[in-house]
Structure formats: structure tokens, C-alpha cells
């Protein structure tokens, strides 16, 4: 039998950004920072304006298994 399990991988950390306000800092991180499985942590912001620190191992959150066959 096969089962499908919804799964989340959560990486916790922080971005340090140069901004004029907390709202702008949130917007910059939301618009210009992210992560891909193949490329790792990414930012379109200048290295002078943005730094990051994240765990290298994700927390695995497995949901309820659902039989598919």
C-alpha cells in the first residue's frame, strides 16, 4: 500500500536588514528574501544591507498519512 503524507520543513532563523522602519524591514524581507531547496537562502538585497542566520537542519512536521492505493 502507498500513503501520502503532507510534510512541512521549517527552517528557523533571522534576517538582519538595513531599513528606515520595522514596516519597511518586514516588507524588504517579504519581497526580497527567500529560500529554495536547490539554492539555499537567497536575497536580492545588497550584502551591505542584508545578512542572515538560519539553522542548517529543518524541523520536520509530518501530517496525517492518507492511503492512496
PDB file of N, CA and C in Angstrom:
ATOM      1  N   UNK A   1       0.836  -1.177   0.000  1.00  0.00           N
ATOM      2  CA  UNK A   1       0.000   0.000   0.000  1.00  0.00           C
ATOM      3  C   UNK A   1       0.882   1.241   0.000  1.00  0.00           C
ATOM      4  N   UNK A   2       0.376   2.282  -0.594  1.00  0.00           N
ATOM      5  CA  UNK A   2       1.084   3.555  -0.598  1.00  0.00           C
ATOM      6  C   UNK A   2       0.289   4.577   0.195  1.00  0.00           C
ATOM      7  N   UNK A   3       1.034   5.471   0.859  1.00  0.00           N
ATOM      8  CA  UNK A   3       0.424   6.525   1.644  1.00  0.00           C
ATOM      9  C   UNK A   3       1.029   7.864   1.249  1.00  0.00           C
ATOM     10  N   UNK A   4       0.202   8.882   1.258  1.00  0.00           N
ATOM     11  CA  UNK A   4       0.656  10.247   1.005  1.00  0.00           C
ATOM     12  C   UNK A   4       0.673  10.960   2.362  1.00  0.00           C
ATOM     13  N   UNK A   5       1.791  11.612   2.673  1.00  0.00           N
ATOM     14  CA  UNK A   5       1.924  12.303   3.949  1.00  0.00           C
ATOM     15  C   UNK A   5       2.279  13.769   3.677  1.00  0.00           C
ATOM     16  N   UNK A   6       1.371  14.684   3.977  1.00  0.00           N
ATOM     17  CA  UNK A   6       1.671  16.113   3.863  1.00  0.00           C
ATOM     18  C   UNK A   6       2.809  16.413   4.837  1.00  0.00           C
ATOM     19  N   UNK A   7       3.832  17.102   4.363  1.00  0.00           N
ATOM     20  CA  UNK A   7       5.017  17.345   5.181  1.00  0.00           C
ATOM     21  C   UNK A   7       5.477  18.781   5.029  1.00  0.00           C
ATOM     22  N   UNK A   8       5.907  19.379   6.132  1.00  0.00           N
ATOM     23  CA  UNK A   8       6.494  20.718   6.130  1.00  0.00           C
ATOM     24  C   UNK A   8       7.907  20.622   6.686  1.00  0.00           C
ATOM     25  N   UNK A   9       8.818  21.370   6.083  1.00  0.00           N
ATOM     26  CA  UNK A   9      10.158  21.520   6.618  1.00  0.00           C
ATOM     27  C   UNK A   9      10.292  22.976   7.043  1.00  0.00           C
ATOM     28  N   UNK A  10      10.561  23.209   8.313  1.00  0.00           N
ATOM     29  CA  UNK A  10      10.613  24.560   8.847  1.00  0.00           C
ATOM     30  C   UNK A  10      12.045  24.897   9.234  1.00  0.00           C
ATOM     31  N   UNK A  11      12.585  25.929   8.577  1.00  0.00           N
ATOM     32  CA  UNK A  11      13.902  26.449   8.919  1.00  0.00           C
ATOM     33  C   UNK A  11      13.694  27.732   9.713  1.00  0.00           C
ATOM     34  N   UNK A  12      14.249  27.809  10.891  1.00  0.00           N
ATOM     35  CA  UNK A  12      14.085  28.993  11.724  1.00  0.00           C
ATOM     36  C   UNK A  12      15.366  29.800  11.723  1.00  0.00           C
ATOM     37  N   UNK A  13      15.212  31.104  11.687  1.00  0.00           N
ATOM     38  CA  UNK A  13      16.368  31.976  11.718  1.00  0.00           C
ATOM     39  C   UNK A  13      15.941  33.419  11.635  1.00  0.00           C
ATOM     40  N   UNK A  14      16.865  34.271  11.204  1.00  0.00           N
ATOM     41  CA  UNK A  14      16.535  35.686  11.117  1.00  0.00           C
ATOM     42  C   UNK A  14      17.330  36.362  10.016  1.00  0.00           C
ATOM     43  N   UNK A  15      16.727  37.388   9.447  1.00  0.00           N
ATOM     44  CA  UNK A  15      17.404  38.286   8.527  1.00  0.00           C
ATOM     45  C   UNK A  15      17.670  39.581   9.278  1.00  0.00           C
ATOM     46  N   UNK A  16      18.832  40.159   9.084  1.00  0.00           N
ATOM     47  CA  UNK A  16      19.149  41.481   9.606  1.00  0.00           C
ATOM     48  C   UNK A  16      19.229  42.401   8.408  1.00  0.00           C
ATOM     49  N   UNK A  17      18.339  43.402   8.349  1.00  0.00           N
ATOM     50  CA  UNK A  17      18.278  44.284   7.193  1.00  0.00           C
ATOM     51  C   UNK A  17      18.400  45.743   7.614  1.00  0.00           C
ATOM     52  N   UNK A  18      18.934  46.540   6.724  1.00  0.00           N
ATOM     53  CA  UNK A  18      19.007  47.986   6.898  1.00  0.00           C
ATOM     54  C   UNK A  18      17.684  48.559   6.385  1.00  0.00           C
ATOM     55  N   UNK A  19      16.945  49.263   7.260  1.00  0.00           N
ATOM     56  CA  UNK A  19      15.649  49.814   6.868  1.00  0.00           C
ATOM     57  C   UNK A  19      15.347  51.059   7.693  1.00  0.00           C
ATOM     58  N   UNK A  20      14.396  51.861   7.211  1.00  0.00           N
ATOM     59  CA  UNK A  20      14.007  53.093   7.902  1.00  0.00           C
ATOM     60  C   UNK A  20      12.976  52.847   8.996  1.00  0.00           C
ATOM     61  N   UNK A  21      12.289  51.691   8.949  1.00  0.00           N
ATOM     62  CA  UNK A  21      11.262  51.373   9.944  1.00  0.00           C
ATOM     63  C   UNK A  21      11.073  49.858  10.011  1.00  0.00           C
ATOM     64  N   UNK A  22      10.374  49.418  11.043  1.00  0.00           N
ATOM     65  CA  UNK A  22      10.064  47.995  11.188  1.00  0.00           C
ATOM     66  C   UNK A  22       9.184  47.520  10.026  1.00  0.00           C
ATOM     67  N   UNK A  23       8.245  48.375   9.611  1.00  0.00           N
ATOM     68  CA  UNK A  23       7.369  48.020   8.499  1.00  0.00           C
ATOM     69  C   UNK A  23       8.173  47.821   7.220  1.00  0.00           C
ATOM     70  N   UNK A  24       9.138  48.718   6.968  1.00  0.00           N
ATOM     71  CA  UNK A  24       9.966  48.579   5.775  1.00  0.00           C
ATOM     72  C   UNK A  24      10.830  47.325   5.862  1.00  0.00           C
ATOM     73  N   UNK A  25      11.358  47.026   7.051  1.00  0.00           N
ATOM     74  CA  UNK A  25      12.171  45.813   7.229  1.00  0.00           C
ATOM     75  C   UNK A  25      11.340  44.575   6.906  1.00  0.00           C
ATOM     76  N   UNK A  26      10.100  44.517   7.404  1.00  0.00           N
ATOM     77  CA  UNK A  26       9.216  43.384   7.108  1.00  0.00           C
ATOM     78  C   UNK A  26       8.935  43.281   5.617  1.00  0.00           C
ATOM     79  N   UNK A  27       8.678  44.409   4.973  1.00  0.00           N
ATOM     80  CA  UNK A  27       8.396  44.415   3.540  1.00  0.00           C
ATOM     81  C   UNK A  27       9.607  43.936   2.747  1.00  0.00           C
ATOM     82  N   UNK A  28      10.795  44.427   3.090  1.00  0.00           N
ATOM     83  CA  UNK A  28      12.009  44.036   2.369  1.00  0.00           C
ATOM     84  C   UNK A  28      12.259  42.535   2.460  1.00  0.00           C
ATOM     85  N   UNK A  29      12.136  41.986   3.654  1.00  0.00           N
ATOM     86  CA  UNK A  29      12.350  40.543   3.824  1.00  0.00           C
ATOM     87  C   UNK A  29      11.276  39.756   3.080  1.00  0.00           C
ATOM     88  N   UNK A  30      10.019  40.198   3.171  1.00  0.00           N
ATOM     89  CA  UNK A  30       8.931  39.508   2.484  1.00  0.00           C
ATOM     90  C   UNK A  30       9.060  39.535   0.975  1.00  0.00           C
ATOM     91  N   UNK A  31       9.571  40.633   0.416  1.00  0.00           N
ATOM     92  CA  UNK A  31       9.669  40.782  -1.034  1.00  0.00           C
ATOM     93  C   UNK A  31      10.986  40.287  -1.624  1.00  0.00           C
ATOM     94  N   UNK A  32      12.074  40.386  -0.875  1.00  0.00           N
ATOM     95  CA  UNK A  32      13.395  40.160  -1.469  1.00  0.00           C
ATOM     96  C   UNK A  32      14.193  39.003  -0.880  1.00  0.00           C
ATOM     97  N   UNK A  33      13.662  38.321   0.108  1.00  0.00           N
ATOM     98  CA  UNK A  33      14.415  37.229   0.734  1.00  0.00           C
ATOM     99  C   UNK A  33      13.604  35.943   0.662  1.00  0.00           C
ATOM    100  N   UNK A  34      14.286  34.821   0.489  1.00  0.00           N
ATOM    101  CA  UNK A  34      13.587  33.549   0.410  1.00  0.00           C
ATOM    102  C   UNK A  34      14.541  32.381   0.463  1.00  0.00           C
ATOM    103  N   UNK A  35      14.025  31.228   0.098  1.00  0.00           N
ATOM    104  CA  UNK A  35      14.823  30.008   0.125  1.00  0.00           C
ATOM    105  C   UNK A  35      14.285  29.035  -0.903  1.00  0.00           C
ATOM    106  N   UNK A  36      15.189  28.343  -1.573  1.00  0.00           N
ATOM    107  CA  UNK A  36      14.809  27.243  -2.453  1.00  0.00           C
ATOM    108  C   UNK A  36      15.565  26.001  -2.007  1.00  0.00           C
ATOM    109  N   UNK A  37      15.036  24.862  -2.342  1.00  0.00           N
ATOM    110  CA  UNK A  37      15.696  23.628  -1.922  1.00  0.00           C
ATOM    111  C   UNK A  37      17.038  23.444  -2.606  1.00  0.00           C
ATOM    112  N   UNK A  38      17.173  23.900  -3.844  1.00  0.00           N
ATOM    113  CA  UNK A  38      18.441  23.704  -4.545  1.00  0.00           C
ATOM    114  C   UNK A  38      19.423  24.843  -4.339  1.00  0.00           C
ATOM    115  N   UNK A  39      18.926  26.055  -4.059  1.00  0.00           N
ATOM    116  CA  UNK A  39      19.799  27.217  -3.974  1.00  0.00           C
ATOM    117  C   UNK A  39      20.085  27.725  -2.580  1.00  0.00           C
ATOM    118  N   UNK A  40      19.357  27.249  -1.592  1.00  0.00           N
ATOM    119  CA  UNK A  40      19.567  27.699  -0.229  1.00  0.00           C
ATOM    120  C   UNK A  40      18.954  29.071   0.029  1.00  0.00           C
ATOM    121  N   UNK A  41      19.442  29.752   1.068  1.00  0.00           N
ATOM    122  CA  UNK A  41      18.958  31.077   1.439  1.00  0.00           C
ATOM    123  C   UNK A  41      19.371  32.070   0.362  1.00  0.00           C
ATOM    124  N   UNK A  42      18.421  32.935  -0.034  1.00  0.00           N
ATOM    125  CA  UNK A  42      18.689  33.902  -1.093  1.00  0.00           C
ATOM    126  C   UNK A  42      18.170  35.269  -0.689  1.00  0.00           C
ATOM    127  N   UNK A  43      18.818  36.315  -1.216  1.00  0.00           N
ATOM    128  CA  UNK A  43      18.315  37.671  -1.040  1.00  0.00           C
ATOM    129  C   UNK A  43      18.705  38.497  -2.247  1.00  0.00           C
ATOM    130  N   UNK A  44      17.776  39.300  -2.731  1.00  0.00           N
ATOM    131  CA  UNK A  44      18.057  40.215  -3.829  1.00  0.00           C
ATOM    132  C   UNK A  44      18.601  41.539  -3.293  1.00  0.00           C
ATOM    133  N   UNK A  45      18.688  41.659  -1.973  1.00  0.00           N
ATOM    134  CA  UNK A  45      19.227  42.867  -1.356  1.00  0.00           C
ATOM    135  C   UNK A  45      20.750  42.819  -1.354  1.00  0.00           C
ATOM    136  N   UNK A  46      21.377  43.972  -1.294  1.00  0.00           N
ATOM    137  CA  UNK A  46      22.832  44.074  -1.250  1.00  0.00           C
ATOM    138  C   UNK A  46      23.372  43.415   0.023  1.00  0.00           C
ATOM    139  N   UNK A  47      24.521  42.727  -0.052  1.00  0.00           N
ATOM    140  CA  UNK A  47      25.124  42.154   1.156  1.00  0.00           C
ATOM    141  C   UNK A  47      25.426  43.212   2.217  1.00  0.00           C
ATOM    142  N   UNK A  48      25.582  44.462   1.804  1.00  0.00           N
ATOM    143  CA  UNK A  48      25.801  45.544   2.765  1.00  0.00           C
ATOM    144  C   UNK A  48      24.526  45.873   3.538  1.00  0.00           C
ATOM    145  N   UNK A  49      23.357  45.545   2.964  1.00  0.00           N
ATOM    146  CA  UNK A  49      22.078  45.881   3.576  1.00  0.00           C
ATOM    147  C   UNK A  49      21.362  44.688   4.192  1.00  0.00           C
ATOM    148  N   UNK A  50      21.892  43.484   4.006  1.00  0.00           N
ATOM    149  CA  UNK A  50      21.175  42.290   4.466  1.00  0.00           C
ATOM    150  C   UNK A  50      22.152  41.194   4.862  1.00  0.00           C
ATOM    151  N   UNK A  51      21.873  40.557   5.989  1.00  0.00           N
ATOM    152  CA  UNK A  51      22.636  39.399   6.442  1.00  0.00           C
ATOM    153  C   UNK A  51      21.623  38.404   6.991  1.00  0.00           C
ATOM    154  N   UNK A  52      21.995  37.153   7.099  1.00  0.00           N
ATOM    155  CA  UNK A  52      21.066  36.163   7.613  1.00  0.00           C
ATOM    156  C   UNK A  52      21.775  35.135   8.461  1.00  0.00           C
ATOM    157  N   UNK A  53      20.976  34.494   9.343  1.00  0.00           N
ATOM    158  CA  UNK A  53      21.466  33.420  10.203  1.00  0.00           C
ATOM    159  C   UNK A  53      20.323  32.430  10.383  1.00  0.00           C
ATOM    160  N   UNK A  54      20.490  31.227   9.835  1.00  0.00           N
ATOM    161  CA  UNK A  54      19.461  30.192   9.908  1.00  0.00           C
ATOM    162  C   UNK A  54      20.092  28.862  10.290  1.00  0.00           C
ATOM    163  N   UNK A  55      19.294  28.028  10.969  1.00  0.00           N
ATOM    164  CA  UNK A  55      19.720  26.652  11.242  1.00  0.00           C
ATOM    165  C   UNK A  55      19.891  25.931   9.916  1.00  0.00           C
ATOM    166  N   UNK A  56      20.832  25.003   9.843  1.00  0.00           N
ATOM    167  CA  UNK A  56      21.037  24.252   8.604  1.00  0.00           C
ATOM    168  C   UNK A  56      20.175  22.998   8.540  1.00  0.00           C
ATOM    169  N   UNK A  57      19.560  22.626   9.645  1.00  0.00           N
ATOM    170  CA  UNK A  57      18.683  21.459   9.668  1.00  0.00           C
ATOM    171  C   UNK A  57      17.258  21.919   9.956  1.00  0.00           C
ATOM    172  N   UNK A  58      16.327  21.482   9.142  1.00  0.00           N
ATOM    173  CA  UNK A  58      14.923  21.871   9.297  1.00  0.00           C
ATOM    174  C   UNK A  58      14.232  21.006  10.340  1.00  0.00           C
ATOM    175  N   UNK A  59      13.200  21.574  10.940  1.00  0.00           N
ATOM    176  CA  UNK A  59      12.282  20.805  11.765  1.00  0.00           C
ATOM    177  C   UNK A  59      11.310  20.130  10.799  1.00  0.00           C
ATOM    178  N   UNK A  60      11.105  18.846  10.940  1.00  0.00           N
ATOM    179  CA  UNK A  60      10.183  18.112  10.067  1.00  0.00           C
ATOM    180  C   UNK A  60       8.838  17.974  10.765  1.00  0.00           C
ATOM    181  N   UNK A  61       7.785  18.412  10.080  1.00  0.00           N
ATOM    182  CA  UNK A  61       6.436  18.301  10.621  1.00  0.00           C
ATOM    183  C   UNK A  61       5.637  17.433   9.645  1.00  0.00           C
ATOM    184  N   UNK A  62       5.337  16.206  10.074  1.00  0.00           N
ATOM    185  CA  UNK A  62       4.591  15.272   9.223  1.00  0.00           C
ATOM    186  C   UNK A  62       3.127  15.285   9.637  1.00  0.00           C
ATOM    187  N   UNK A  63       2.260  15.433   8.654  1.00  0.00           N
ATOM    188  CA  UNK A  63       0.823  15.420   8.907  1.00  0.00           C
ATOM    189  C   UNK A  63       0.286  13.992   8.914  1.00  0.00           C
ATOM    190  N   UNK A  64      -1.014  13.888   8.841  1.00  0.00           N
ATOM    191  CA  UNK A  64      -1.689  12.593   8.873  1.00  0.00           C
ATOM    192  C   UNK A  64      -1.486  11.868   7.540  1.00  0.00           C
ATOM    193  N   UNK A  65      -1.115  10.603   7.600  1.00  0.00           N
ATOM    194  CA  UNK A  65      -0.956   9.781   6.393  1.00  0.00           C
ATOM    195  C   UNK A  65      -2.321   9.450   5.809  1.00  0.00           C
ATOM    196  N   UNK A  66      -2.383   9.462   4.466  1.00  0.00           N
ATOM    197  CA  UNK A  66      -3.620   9.151   3.750  1.00  0.00           C
ATOM    198  C   UNK A  66      -3.327   8.055   2.732  1.00  0.00           C
ATOM    199  N   UNK A  67      -4.068   6.981   2.815  1.00  0.00           N
ATOM    200  CA  UNK A  67      -3.893   5.857   1.898  1.00  0.00           C
ATOM    201  C   UNK A  67      -4.274   6.287   0.492  1.00  0.00           C
ATOM    202  N   UNK A  68      -3.391   6.018  -0.494  1.00  0.00           N
ATOM    203  CA  UNK A  68      -3.681   6.418  -1.868  1.00  0.00           C
ATOM    204  C   UNK A  68      -3.850   5.235  -2.813  1.00  0.00           C
ATOM    205  N   UNK A  69      -3.465   4.030  -2.421  1.00  0.00           N
ATOM    206  CA  UNK A  69      -3.711   2.841  -3.248  1.00  0.00           C
ATOM    207  C   UNK A  69      -4.078   1.673  -2.369  1.00  0.00           C
TER     208      UNK A  69
END
